[in-house]
C-alpha cells in the first residue's frame, strides 16, 4: 500500500472533488482516480459511492472505516519521519511560549554544558501553536504552562514548577499595603491583562467565574513587559503568576487569598509514542536536571 494513495483518499473526502485533489498535489485526475482504484482493489471493497457525478462524494461504510485509519496512518508516518530525521541530526527541537522562554530557558542555558545546549533548537510561539506542533511532530518536546491538570492523554507531562498568582499594583495604589486580597474584593479595580492565549488570562477568567464577578479589563496585550509598564504607570492592576520576576521598584506584589485560587504549573511535555535516540535522551535528562529534577529521568519507550 502506498501512503500517497491514502493522502489522495483523505484529501478527496475533504475537498470532495477529484480536480481539486489533482490541483493540490499537482498531478493529473487519472492519477488520483487510479490511487482510489488501487485502494479498492487492495481492500476488495468499494470506498466511494459514484451513482451520480453531479452530487457530492459519499463514502461507503468501508470508506468511513478506511478514512479513520488513513488519518492515523498518515499521522504516524509523519511522526516517524520527524523523529527519525531529528534523531539522525542529534538535535532536540523544543518549543515554548515567549513567557516561558523568558522565565525558564535561561536556567537551562546556565546549567547545560555548552556542547549540549548547542544541540537544542528552540522555537518560541504561542501555547496553542506549541502544543499543536508537538502533537504533529514538528517539535520533539515542549515547555508548557497550564492550570491545575493537564489532561491530553497523548502527551506525557513532567511538571517542574508550580507558582501561585498574585496581584501586581503600583505602590501608590491605596490598597498597596494590604497583606492579601480575596479576588472579589478588588473587582472594582481596572485590570491590565495578557490576551486569551496566555494561561494568566485563563486564571483571571476562572477567578471571575467562581466569584460571580466581571472585573473591568481596560487593556490587553501579548507582552508581559507591557503589562508591567502599564501597571507601573498607574493605569491599573494585573494578575500575574509568581514565576514572573518583577524588578520595577514602583510596583508591589500582593497574594491572592482565595482558597481555590488556581496554580500556574510549568512542565516538560513530549508525545507518549516518542522514541528518542540515546543522544536526545541524554539532552532531555540534562534539561530535567537543570530544572532541579535530577531524580527524574525520562522513560524512553
C-alpha atoms as a PDB file:
ATOM      1  CA  UNK A   1       0.000   0.000   0.000  1.00  0.00           C
ATOM      2  CA  UNK A   2       1.257   3.460  -0.902  1.00  0.00           C
ATOM      3  CA  UNK A   3       0.971   6.250   1.646  1.00  0.00           C
ATOM      4  CA  UNK A   4       0.444   8.672  -1.244  1.00  0.00           C
ATOM      5  CA  UNK A   5      -2.732   6.778  -2.160  1.00  0.00           C
ATOM      6  CA  UNK A   6      -4.016   7.353   1.359  1.00  0.00           C
ATOM      7  CA  UNK A   7      -3.147  11.063   1.085  1.00  0.00           C
ATOM      8  CA  UNK A   8      -5.169  11.319  -2.123  1.00  0.00           C
ATOM      9  CA  UNK A   9      -8.058   9.451  -0.499  1.00  0.00           C
ATOM     10  CA  UNK A  10      -8.177  11.649   2.620  1.00  0.00           C
ATOM     11  CA  UNK A  11      -7.879  14.831   0.560  1.00  0.00           C
ATOM     12  CA  UNK A  12     -10.620  13.650  -1.791  1.00  0.00           C
ATOM     13  CA  UNK A  13     -13.034  13.301   1.114  1.00  0.00           C
ATOM     14  CA  UNK A  14     -12.012  16.696   2.483  1.00  0.00           C
ATOM     15  CA  UNK A  15     -12.146  18.556  -0.856  1.00  0.00           C
ATOM     16  CA  UNK A  16     -14.971  16.484  -2.408  1.00  0.00           C
ATOM     17  CA  UNK A  17     -13.505  16.934  -5.865  1.00  0.00           C
ATOM     18  CA  UNK A  18     -11.062  14.916  -7.972  1.00  0.00           C
ATOM     19  CA  UNK A  19      -9.987  18.079  -9.790  1.00  0.00           C
ATOM     20  CA  UNK A  20      -9.218  19.930  -6.548  1.00  0.00           C
ATOM     21  CA  UNK A  21      -7.133  16.986  -5.304  1.00  0.00           C
ATOM     22  CA  UNK A  22      -5.184  16.893  -8.556  1.00  0.00           C
ATOM     23  CA  UNK A  23      -4.549  20.634  -8.259  1.00  0.00           C
ATOM     24  CA  UNK A  24      -3.438  20.283  -4.645  1.00  0.00           C
ATOM     25  CA  UNK A  25      -0.868  17.592  -5.411  1.00  0.00           C
ATOM     26  CA  UNK A  26      -0.060  18.845  -8.929  1.00  0.00           C
ATOM     27  CA  UNK A  27      -0.945  15.517 -10.562  1.00  0.00           C
ATOM     28  CA  UNK A  28      -3.493  14.534 -13.189  1.00  0.00           C
ATOM     29  CA  UNK A  29      -7.049  13.494 -12.314  1.00  0.00           C
ATOM     30  CA  UNK A  30      -6.441   9.962 -13.704  1.00  0.00           C
ATOM     31  CA  UNK A  31      -3.567   9.656 -11.186  1.00  0.00           C
ATOM     32  CA  UNK A  32      -5.970  10.363  -8.326  1.00  0.00           C
ATOM     33  CA  UNK A  33      -8.599   8.011  -9.755  1.00  0.00           C
ATOM     34  CA  UNK A  34      -6.009   5.243 -10.147  1.00  0.00           C
ATOM     35  CA  UNK A  35      -4.978   5.662  -6.480  1.00  0.00           C
ATOM     36  CA  UNK A  36      -8.573   5.230  -5.299  1.00  0.00           C
ATOM     37  CA  UNK A  37      -8.992   2.160  -7.525  1.00  0.00           C
ATOM     38  CA  UNK A  38      -5.785   0.623  -6.107  1.00  0.00           C
ATOM     39  CA  UNK A  39      -7.124   1.051  -2.582  1.00  0.00           C
ATOM     40  CA  UNK A  40     -10.433  -0.522  -3.552  1.00  0.00           C
ATOM     41  CA  UNK A  41      -8.653  -3.500  -5.099  1.00  0.00           C
ATOM     42  CA  UNK A  42      -6.388  -3.876  -2.090  1.00  0.00           C
ATOM     43  CA  UNK A  43      -9.285  -3.875   0.376  1.00  0.00           C
ATOM     44  CA  UNK A  44     -11.616  -5.705  -2.022  1.00  0.00           C
ATOM     45  CA  UNK A  45     -14.450  -3.238  -1.485  1.00  0.00           C
ATOM     46  CA  UNK A  46     -15.964  -0.043  -2.785  1.00  0.00           C
ATOM     47  CA  UNK A  47     -14.902   3.060  -0.870  1.00  0.00           C
ATOM     48  CA  UNK A  48     -16.878   5.797  -2.640  1.00  0.00           C
ATOM     49  CA  UNK A  49     -20.454   5.894  -3.936  1.00  0.00           C
ATOM     50  CA  UNK A  50     -20.331   7.028  -7.557  1.00  0.00           C
ATOM     51  CA  UNK A  51     -24.023   6.859  -8.555  1.00  0.00           C
ATOM     52  CA  UNK A  52     -24.311  10.498  -9.644  1.00  0.00           C
ATOM     53  CA  UNK A  53     -21.225  12.514 -10.650  1.00  0.00           C
ATOM     54  CA  UNK A  54     -23.153  15.742 -10.071  1.00  0.00           C
ATOM     55  CA  UNK A  55     -23.794  15.014  -6.382  1.00  0.00           C
ATOM     56  CA  UNK A  56     -21.248  15.393  -3.551  1.00  0.00           C
ATOM     57  CA  UNK A  57     -18.994  12.402  -2.927  1.00  0.00           C
ATOM     58  CA  UNK A  58     -20.244   9.930  -0.343  1.00  0.00           C
ATOM     59  CA  UNK A  59     -18.328   7.230   1.469  1.00  0.00           C
ATOM     60  CA  UNK A  60     -19.421   3.650   1.811  1.00  0.00           C
ATOM     61  CA  UNK A  61     -19.240   2.021   5.231  1.00  0.00           C
ATOM     62  CA  UNK A  62     -15.845   0.598   4.245  1.00  0.00           C
ATOM     63  CA  UNK A  63     -14.763   4.060   3.121  1.00  0.00           C
ATOM     64  CA  UNK A  64     -15.698   5.527   6.501  1.00  0.00           C
ATOM     65  CA  UNK A  65     -13.549   2.936   8.248  1.00  0.00           C
ATOM     66  CA  UNK A  66     -10.593   3.489   5.932  1.00  0.00           C
ATOM     67  CA  UNK A  67     -10.846   7.271   6.369  1.00  0.00           C
ATOM     68  CA  UNK A  68     -10.385   6.980  10.148  1.00  0.00           C
ATOM     69  CA  UNK A  69      -7.441   4.592   9.833  1.00  0.00           C
ATOM     70  CA  UNK A  70      -5.879   6.559   6.962  1.00  0.00           C
ATOM     71  CA  UNK A  71      -5.673   9.690   9.096  1.00  0.00           C
ATOM     72  CA  UNK A  72      -3.990   7.716  11.887  1.00  0.00           C
ATOM     73  CA  UNK A  73      -1.576   6.019   9.471  1.00  0.00           C
ATOM     74  CA  UNK A  74      -0.571   9.303   7.839  1.00  0.00           C
ATOM     75  CA  UNK A  75      -0.156  10.977  11.213  1.00  0.00           C
ATOM     76  CA  UNK A  76       2.072   8.157  12.497  1.00  0.00           C
ATOM     77  CA  UNK A  77       4.051   8.183   9.254  1.00  0.00           C
ATOM     78  CA  UNK A  78       4.720  11.916   9.572  1.00  0.00           C
ATOM     79  CA  UNK A  79       5.735  11.472  13.224  1.00  0.00           C
ATOM     80  CA  UNK A  80       8.124   8.666  12.240  1.00  0.00           C
ATOM     81  CA  UNK A  81       9.712  10.863   9.563  1.00  0.00           C
ATOM     82  CA  UNK A  82      10.204  13.722  12.014  1.00  0.00           C
ATOM     83  CA  UNK A  83      11.541  11.601  14.870  1.00  0.00           C
ATOM     84  CA  UNK A  84      13.992   9.729  12.635  1.00  0.00           C
ATOM     85  CA  UNK A  85      15.258  12.924  10.981  1.00  0.00           C
ATOM     86  CA  UNK A  86      15.741  14.717  14.314  1.00  0.00           C
ATOM     87  CA  UNK A  87      17.444  11.648  15.801  1.00  0.00           C
ATOM     88  CA  UNK A  88      19.883  11.365  12.901  1.00  0.00           C
ATOM     89  CA  UNK A  89      20.797  15.038  13.315  1.00  0.00           C
ATOM     90  CA  UNK A  90      21.273  14.579  17.086  1.00  0.00           C
ATOM     91  CA  UNK A  91      19.126  17.654  17.590  1.00  0.00           C
ATOM     92  CA  UNK A  92      16.337  18.251  20.066  1.00  0.00           C
ATOM     93  CA  UNK A  93      13.702  20.680  18.827  1.00  0.00           C
ATOM     94  CA  UNK A  94      11.942  22.251  21.787  1.00  0.00           C
ATOM     95  CA  UNK A  95       9.060  24.721  21.613  1.00  0.00           C
ATOM     96  CA  UNK A  96       7.724  27.107  24.247  1.00  0.00           C
ATOM     97  CA  UNK A  97       5.591  30.223  24.651  1.00  0.00           C
ATOM     98  CA  UNK A  98       7.529  33.530  24.903  1.00  0.00           C
ATOM     99  CA  UNK A  99       6.727  33.958  28.605  1.00  0.00           C
ATOM    100  CA  UNK A 100       8.220  30.574  29.455  1.00  0.00           C
ATOM    101  CA  UNK A 101      11.191  31.245  27.194  1.00  0.00           C
ATOM    102  CA  UNK A 102      11.989  34.440  29.108  1.00  0.00           C
ATOM    103  CA  UNK A 103      11.408  32.945  32.551  1.00  0.00           C
ATOM    104  CA  UNK A 104      12.760  29.406  32.332  1.00  0.00           C
ATOM    105  CA  UNK A 105      15.064  28.924  29.316  1.00  0.00           C
ATOM    106  CA  UNK A 106      17.948  30.955  30.839  1.00  0.00           C
ATOM    107  CA  UNK A 107      18.024  28.479  33.724  1.00  0.00           C
ATOM    108  CA  UNK A 108      18.691  25.644  31.284  1.00  0.00           C
ATOM    109  CA  UNK A 109      21.236  27.697  29.352  1.00  0.00           C
ATOM    110  CA  UNK A 110      23.238  28.423  32.526  1.00  0.00           C
ATOM    111  CA  UNK A 111      23.394  24.824  33.697  1.00  0.00           C
ATOM    112  CA  UNK A 112      23.760  22.818  30.497  1.00  0.00           C
ATOM    113  CA  UNK A 113      27.271  22.270  29.129  1.00  0.00           C
ATOM    114  CA  UNK A 114      27.778  24.403  26.027  1.00  0.00           C
ATOM    115  CA  UNK A 115      28.223  21.394  23.741  1.00  0.00           C
ATOM    116  CA  UNK A 116      24.826  20.035  24.864  1.00  0.00           C
ATOM    117  CA  UNK A 117      22.968  23.344  24.735  1.00  0.00           C
ATOM    118  CA  UNK A 118      24.155  23.865  21.151  1.00  0.00           C
ATOM    119  CA  UNK A 119      22.256  20.706  20.187  1.00  0.00           C
ATOM    120  CA  UNK A 120      18.968  22.211  21.417  1.00  0.00           C
ATOM    121  CA  UNK A 121      16.949  24.148  18.843  1.00  0.00           C
ATOM    122  CA  UNK A 122      14.247  26.222  20.481  1.00  0.00           C
ATOM    123  CA  UNK A 123      11.163  27.715  18.840  1.00  0.00           C
ATOM    124  CA  UNK A 124       9.192  30.472  20.527  1.00  0.00           C
ATOM    125  CA  UNK A 125       5.469  30.660  19.741  1.00  0.00           C
ATOM    126  CA  UNK A 126       2.080  30.729  21.438  1.00  0.00           C
ATOM    127  CA  UNK A 127       0.863  27.942  23.729  1.00  0.00           C
ATOM    128  CA  UNK A 128      -1.772  26.641  21.301  1.00  0.00           C
ATOM    129  CA  UNK A 129       0.669  26.535  18.379  1.00  0.00           C
ATOM    130  CA  UNK A 130       3.330  24.897  20.557  1.00  0.00           C
ATOM    131  CA  UNK A 131       1.028  22.076  21.629  1.00  0.00           C
ATOM    132  CA  UNK A 132      -0.213  21.576  18.059  1.00  0.00           C
ATOM    133  CA  UNK A 133       3.341  21.353  16.682  1.00  0.00           C
ATOM    134  CA  UNK A 134       4.330  18.937  19.453  1.00  0.00           C
ATOM    135  CA  UNK A 135       1.437  16.635  18.579  1.00  0.00           C
ATOM    136  CA  UNK A 136       2.094  16.682  14.825  1.00  0.00           C
ATOM    137  CA  UNK A 137       5.840  16.020  15.172  1.00  0.00           C
ATOM    138  CA  UNK A 138       7.331  19.406  14.299  1.00  0.00           C
ATOM    139  CA  UNK A 139       8.622  19.599  17.884  1.00  0.00           C
ATOM    140  CA  UNK A 140      10.290  16.846  19.909  1.00  0.00           C
ATOM    141  CA  UNK A 141       9.434  18.337  23.293  1.00  0.00           C
ATOM    142  CA  UNK A 142       7.800  21.466  24.662  1.00  0.00           C
ATOM    143  CA  UNK A 143       7.790  23.588  27.781  1.00  0.00           C
ATOM    144  CA  UNK A 144       4.160  24.391  28.528  1.00  0.00           C
ATOM    145  CA  UNK A 145       2.272  26.314  31.170  1.00  0.00           C
ATOM    146  CA  UNK A 146      -1.131  25.138  32.382  1.00  0.00           C
ATOM    147  CA  UNK A 147      -3.578  25.390  35.267  1.00  0.00           C
ATOM    148  CA  UNK A 148      -4.153  22.553  37.749  1.00  0.00           C
ATOM    149  CA  UNK A 149      -4.391  19.486  35.456  1.00  0.00           C
ATOM    150  CA  UNK A 150      -3.014  18.618  32.007  1.00  0.00           C
ATOM    151  CA  UNK A 151      -5.477  16.145  30.504  1.00  0.00           C
ATOM    152  CA  UNK A 152      -4.240  15.310  26.986  1.00  0.00           C
ATOM    153  CA  UNK A 153      -3.735  11.535  27.077  1.00  0.00           C
ATOM    154  CA  UNK A 154      -1.394  11.540  24.070  1.00  0.00           C
ATOM    155  CA  UNK A 155       1.118  13.787  25.859  1.00  0.00           C
ATOM    156  CA  UNK A 156       3.376  12.953  28.809  1.00  0.00           C
ATOM    157  CA  UNK A 157       3.798  15.974  31.084  1.00  0.00           C
ATOM    158  CA  UNK A 158       6.564  16.231  33.687  1.00  0.00           C
ATOM    159  CA  UNK A 159       5.796  19.211  35.914  1.00  0.00           C
ATOM    160  CA  UNK A 160       8.866  21.048  37.219  1.00  0.00           C
ATOM    161  CA  UNK A 161       7.448  24.245  38.706  1.00  0.00           C
ATOM    162  CA  UNK A 162       4.286  25.432  40.431  1.00  0.00           C
ATOM    163  CA  UNK A 163       3.615  29.066  41.293  1.00  0.00           C
ATOM    164  CA  UNK A 164       0.601  30.904  42.761  1.00  0.00           C
ATOM    165  CA  UNK A 165      -0.878  34.043  41.260  1.00  0.00           C
ATOM    166  CA  UNK A 166      -0.553  37.478  42.799  1.00  0.00           C
ATOM    167  CA  UNK A 167      -1.900  40.952  42.174  1.00  0.00           C
ATOM    168  CA  UNK A 168       0.648  43.436  40.827  1.00  0.00           C
ATOM    169  CA  UNK A 169      -0.115  47.079  41.586  1.00  0.00           C
ATOM    170  CA  UNK A 170       1.662  50.426  41.963  1.00  0.00           C
ATOM    171  CA  UNK A 171       2.882  51.280  45.453  1.00  0.00           C
ATOM    172  CA  UNK A 172       0.854  54.468  45.105  1.00  0.00           C
ATOM    173  CA  UNK A 173      -2.408  52.500  44.985  1.00  0.00           C
ATOM    174  CA  UNK A 174      -4.430  52.965  48.199  1.00  0.00           C
ATOM    175  CA  UNK A 175      -4.551  49.163  48.607  1.00  0.00           C
ATOM    176  CA  UNK A 176      -0.809  48.651  48.158  1.00  0.00           C
ATOM    177  CA  UNK A 177      -0.146  47.990  51.872  1.00  0.00           C
ATOM    178  CA  UNK A 178      -2.617  45.086  52.042  1.00  0.00           C
ATOM    179  CA  UNK A 179      -1.291  41.681  53.141  1.00  0.00           C
ATOM    180  CA  UNK A 180      -3.504  39.867  50.651  1.00  0.00           C
ATOM    181  CA  UNK A 181      -6.707  40.060  48.592  1.00  0.00           C
ATOM    182  CA  UNK A 182      -9.772  37.978  48.020  1.00  0.00           C
ATOM    183  CA  UNK A 183     -10.382  38.390  44.320  1.00  0.00           C
ATOM    184  CA  UNK A 184     -13.956  39.628  44.747  1.00  0.00           C
ATOM    185  CA  UNK A 185     -12.723  42.490  46.952  1.00  0.00           C
ATOM    186  CA  UNK A 186     -10.782  44.083  44.082  1.00  0.00           C
ATOM    187  CA  UNK A 187     -13.444  43.713  41.406  1.00  0.00           C
ATOM    188  CA  UNK A 188     -13.848  47.491  41.140  1.00  0.00           C
ATOM    189  CA  UNK A 189     -10.192  47.939  40.128  1.00  0.00           C
ATOM    190  CA  UNK A 190      -9.181  48.411  36.497  1.00  0.00           C
ATOM    191  CA  UNK A 191      -7.148  45.497  35.140  1.00  0.00           C
ATOM    192  CA  UNK A 192      -4.327  45.234  32.623  1.00  0.00           C
ATOM    193  CA  UNK A 193      -4.306  41.720  31.167  1.00  0.00           C
ATOM    194  CA  UNK A 194      -2.476  39.363  28.882  1.00  0.00           C
ATOM    195  CA  UNK A 195      -4.520  38.084  25.942  1.00  0.00           C
ATOM    196  CA  UNK A 196      -6.609  34.899  25.755  1.00  0.00           C
ATOM    197  CA  UNK A 197      -3.759  32.662  24.583  1.00  0.00           C
ATOM    198  CA  UNK A 198      -1.978  33.110  27.931  1.00  0.00           C
ATOM    199  CA  UNK A 199      -2.570  30.950  30.997  1.00  0.00           C
ATOM    200  CA  UNK A 200      -2.744  34.119  33.100  1.00  0.00           C
ATOM    201  CA  UNK A 201      -5.922  35.140  31.241  1.00  0.00           C
ATOM    202  CA  UNK A 202      -7.415  31.704  31.912  1.00  0.00           C
ATOM    203  CA  UNK A 203      -6.717  32.191  35.624  1.00  0.00           C
ATOM    204  CA  UNK A 204      -8.355  35.632  35.502  1.00  0.00           C
ATOM    205  CA  UNK A 205     -11.480  34.160  33.891  1.00  0.00           C
ATOM    206  CA  UNK A 206     -11.591  31.307  36.399  1.00  0.00           C
ATOM    207  CA  UNK A 207     -11.360  33.602  39.433  1.00  0.00           C
ATOM    208  CA  UNK A 208     -14.017  35.858  37.943  1.00  0.00           C
ATOM    209  CA  UNK A 209     -16.382  32.944  37.315  1.00  0.00           C
ATOM    210  CA  UNK A 210     -16.110  31.312  40.745  1.00  0.00           C
ATOM    211  CA  UNK A 211     -16.637  34.690  42.414  1.00  0.00           C
ATOM    212  CA  UNK A 212     -19.513  35.585  40.066  1.00  0.00           C
ATOM    213  CA  UNK A 213     -17.963  38.934  39.162  1.00  0.00           C
ATOM    214  CA  UNK A 214     -16.935  40.732  35.974  1.00  0.00           C
ATOM    215  CA  UNK A 215     -13.861  42.885  36.645  1.00  0.00           C
ATOM    216  CA  UNK A 216     -13.147  45.505  34.003  1.00  0.00           C
ATOM    217  CA  UNK A 217     -10.160  44.929  31.697  1.00  0.00           C
ATOM    218  CA  UNK A 218      -9.091  48.219  30.123  1.00  0.00           C
ATOM    219  CA  UNK A 219      -6.094  46.949  28.150  1.00  0.00           C
ATOM    220  CA  UNK A 220      -4.907  43.596  26.765  1.00  0.00           C
ATOM    221  CA  UNK A 221      -1.526  42.766  25.298  1.00  0.00           C
ATOM    222  CA  UNK A 222       0.683  39.832  24.301  1.00  0.00           C
ATOM    223  CA  UNK A 223       3.730  41.339  26.003  1.00  0.00           C
ATOM    224  CA  UNK A 224       4.348  40.789  29.720  1.00  0.00           C
ATOM    225  CA  UNK A 225       6.601  43.823  29.894  1.00  0.00           C
ATOM    226  CA  UNK A 226       3.788  45.959  28.502  1.00  0.00           C
ATOM    227  CA  UNK A 227       1.544  44.774  31.345  1.00  0.00           C
ATOM    228  CA  UNK A 228       4.228  45.659  33.890  1.00  0.00           C
ATOM    229  CA  UNK A 229       4.848  49.079  32.327  1.00  0.00           C
ATOM    230  CA  UNK A 230       1.143  49.935  32.212  1.00  0.00           C
ATOM    231  CA  UNK A 231       0.677  48.984  35.862  1.00  0.00           C
ATOM    232  CA  UNK A 232       3.828  50.870  36.906  1.00  0.00           C
ATOM    233  CA  UNK A 233       2.414  53.988  35.254  1.00  0.00           C
ATOM    234  CA  UNK A 234      -0.784  53.757  37.272  1.00  0.00           C
ATOM    235  CA  UNK A 235      -3.119  52.581  34.517  1.00  0.00           C
ATOM    236  CA  UNK A 236      -4.466  49.640  36.556  1.00  0.00           C
ATOM    237  CA  UNK A 237      -3.514  46.415  38.303  1.00  0.00           C
ATOM    238  CA  UNK A 238      -2.693  42.947  36.950  1.00  0.00           C
ATOM    239  CA  UNK A 239      -2.988  39.279  37.827  1.00  0.00           C
ATOM    240  CA  UNK A 240       0.338  37.539  37.149  1.00  0.00           C
ATOM    241  CA  UNK A 241       1.963  34.324  38.297  1.00  0.00           C
ATOM    242  CA  UNK A 242       4.857  34.486  40.761  1.00  0.00           C
ATOM    243  CA  UNK A 243       7.078  32.892  38.101  1.00  0.00           C
ATOM    244  CA  UNK A 244       7.420  36.353  36.537  1.00  0.00           C
ATOM    245  CA  UNK A 245      10.166  38.421  38.129  1.00  0.00           C
ATOM    246  CA  UNK A 246       9.089  41.999  38.864  1.00  0.00           C
ATOM    247  CA  UNK A 247      12.093  44.315  39.212  1.00  0.00           C
ATOM    248  CA  UNK A 248      10.323  47.654  38.901  1.00  0.00           C
ATOM    249  CA  UNK A 249      10.677  49.468  42.279  1.00  0.00           C
ATOM    250  CA  UNK A 250       7.372  51.253  41.651  1.00  0.00           C
ATOM    251  CA  UNK A 251       5.417  48.011  41.957  1.00  0.00           C
ATOM    252  CA  UNK A 252       4.389  45.630  44.715  1.00  0.00           C
ATOM    253  CA  UNK A 253       3.121  42.052  44.581  1.00  0.00           C
ATOM    254  CA  UNK A 254       0.241  41.014  46.860  1.00  0.00           C
ATOM    255  CA  UNK A 255      -1.006  37.410  47.304  1.00  0.00           C
ATOM    256  CA  UNK A 256      -4.442  36.139  46.298  1.00  0.00           C
ATOM    257  CA  UNK A 257      -6.161  34.675  49.379  1.00  0.00           C
ATOM    258  CA  UNK A 258      -8.939  32.657  47.688  1.00  0.00           C
ATOM    259  CA  UNK A 259      -8.625  29.052  48.862  1.00  0.00           C
ATOM    260  CA  UNK A 260      -9.435  27.751  45.388  1.00  0.00           C
ATOM    261  CA  UNK A 261      -7.124  30.125  43.542  1.00  0.00           C
ATOM    262  CA  UNK A 262      -5.544  28.383  40.513  1.00  0.00           C
ATOM    263  CA  UNK A 263      -1.892  27.381  40.412  1.00  0.00           C
ATOM    264  CA  UNK A 264       0.335  28.133  37.431  1.00  0.00           C
ATOM    265  CA  UNK A 265       2.241  24.978  36.505  1.00  0.00           C
ATOM    266  CA  UNK A 266       5.062  24.535  34.021  1.00  0.00           C
ATOM    267  CA  UNK A 267       6.224  21.220  32.656  1.00  0.00           C
ATOM    268  CA  UNK A 268       8.250  19.457  30.032  1.00  0.00           C
ATOM    269  CA  UNK A 269       5.957  17.668  27.591  1.00  0.00           C
ATOM    270  CA  UNK A 270       6.540  15.038  24.924  1.00  0.00           C
ATOM    271  CA  UNK A 271       4.444  12.576  22.959  1.00  0.00           C
ATOM    272  CA  UNK A 272       3.860   9.280  24.772  1.00  0.00           C
ATOM    273  CA  UNK A 273       4.622   7.498  21.497  1.00  0.00           C
ATOM    274  CA  UNK A 274       8.022   9.202  21.102  1.00  0.00           C
ATOM    275  CA  UNK A 275      11.150   7.098  20.728  1.00  0.00           C
ATOM    276  CA  UNK A 276      14.237   9.213  21.428  1.00  0.00           C
ATOM    277  CA  UNK A 277      17.775   8.472  20.298  1.00  0.00           C
ATOM    278  CA  UNK A 278      20.380   7.976  23.052  1.00  0.00           C
ATOM    279  CA  UNK A 279      21.753  11.486  22.428  1.00  0.00           C
ATOM    280  CA  UNK A 280      18.281  13.041  22.540  1.00  0.00           C
ATOM    281  CA  UNK A 281      17.527  11.239  25.782  1.00  0.00           C
ATOM    282  CA  UNK A 282      20.814  12.481  27.227  1.00  0.00           C
ATOM    283  CA  UNK A 283      19.771  16.041  26.339  1.00  0.00           C
ATOM    284  CA  UNK A 284      16.346  15.614  27.906  1.00  0.00           C
ATOM    285  CA  UNK A 285      17.731  14.199  31.126  1.00  0.00           C
ATOM    286  CA  UNK A 286      20.208  17.096  31.290  1.00  0.00           C
ATOM    287  CA  UNK A 287      17.328  19.572  30.853  1.00  0.00           C
ATOM    288  CA  UNK A 288      15.340  17.885  33.619  1.00  0.00           C
ATOM    289  CA  UNK A 289      18.361  18.031  35.886  1.00  0.00           C
ATOM    290  CA  UNK A 290      18.724  21.740  35.107  1.00  0.00           C
ATOM    291  CA  UNK A 291      15.198  22.220  36.402  1.00  0.00           C
ATOM    292  CA  UNK A 292      16.260  20.616  39.725  1.00  0.00           C
ATOM    293  CA  UNK A 293      14.647  17.332  38.783  1.00  0.00           C
ATOM    294  CA  UNK A 294      17.801  15.299  38.900  1.00  0.00           C
ATOM    295  CA  UNK A 295      15.950  12.313  40.336  1.00  0.00           C
ATOM    296  CA  UNK A 296      13.544  12.266  37.395  1.00  0.00           C
ATOM    297  CA  UNK A 297      14.805  10.537  34.286  1.00  0.00           C
ATOM    298  CA  UNK A 298      12.956  10.281  31.024  1.00  0.00           C
ATOM    299  CA  UNK A 299      11.404   6.911  30.287  1.00  0.00           C
ATOM    300  CA  UNK A 300      12.186   6.065  26.688  1.00  0.00           C
ATOM    301  CA  UNK A 301       9.542   3.651  25.368  1.00  0.00           C
END
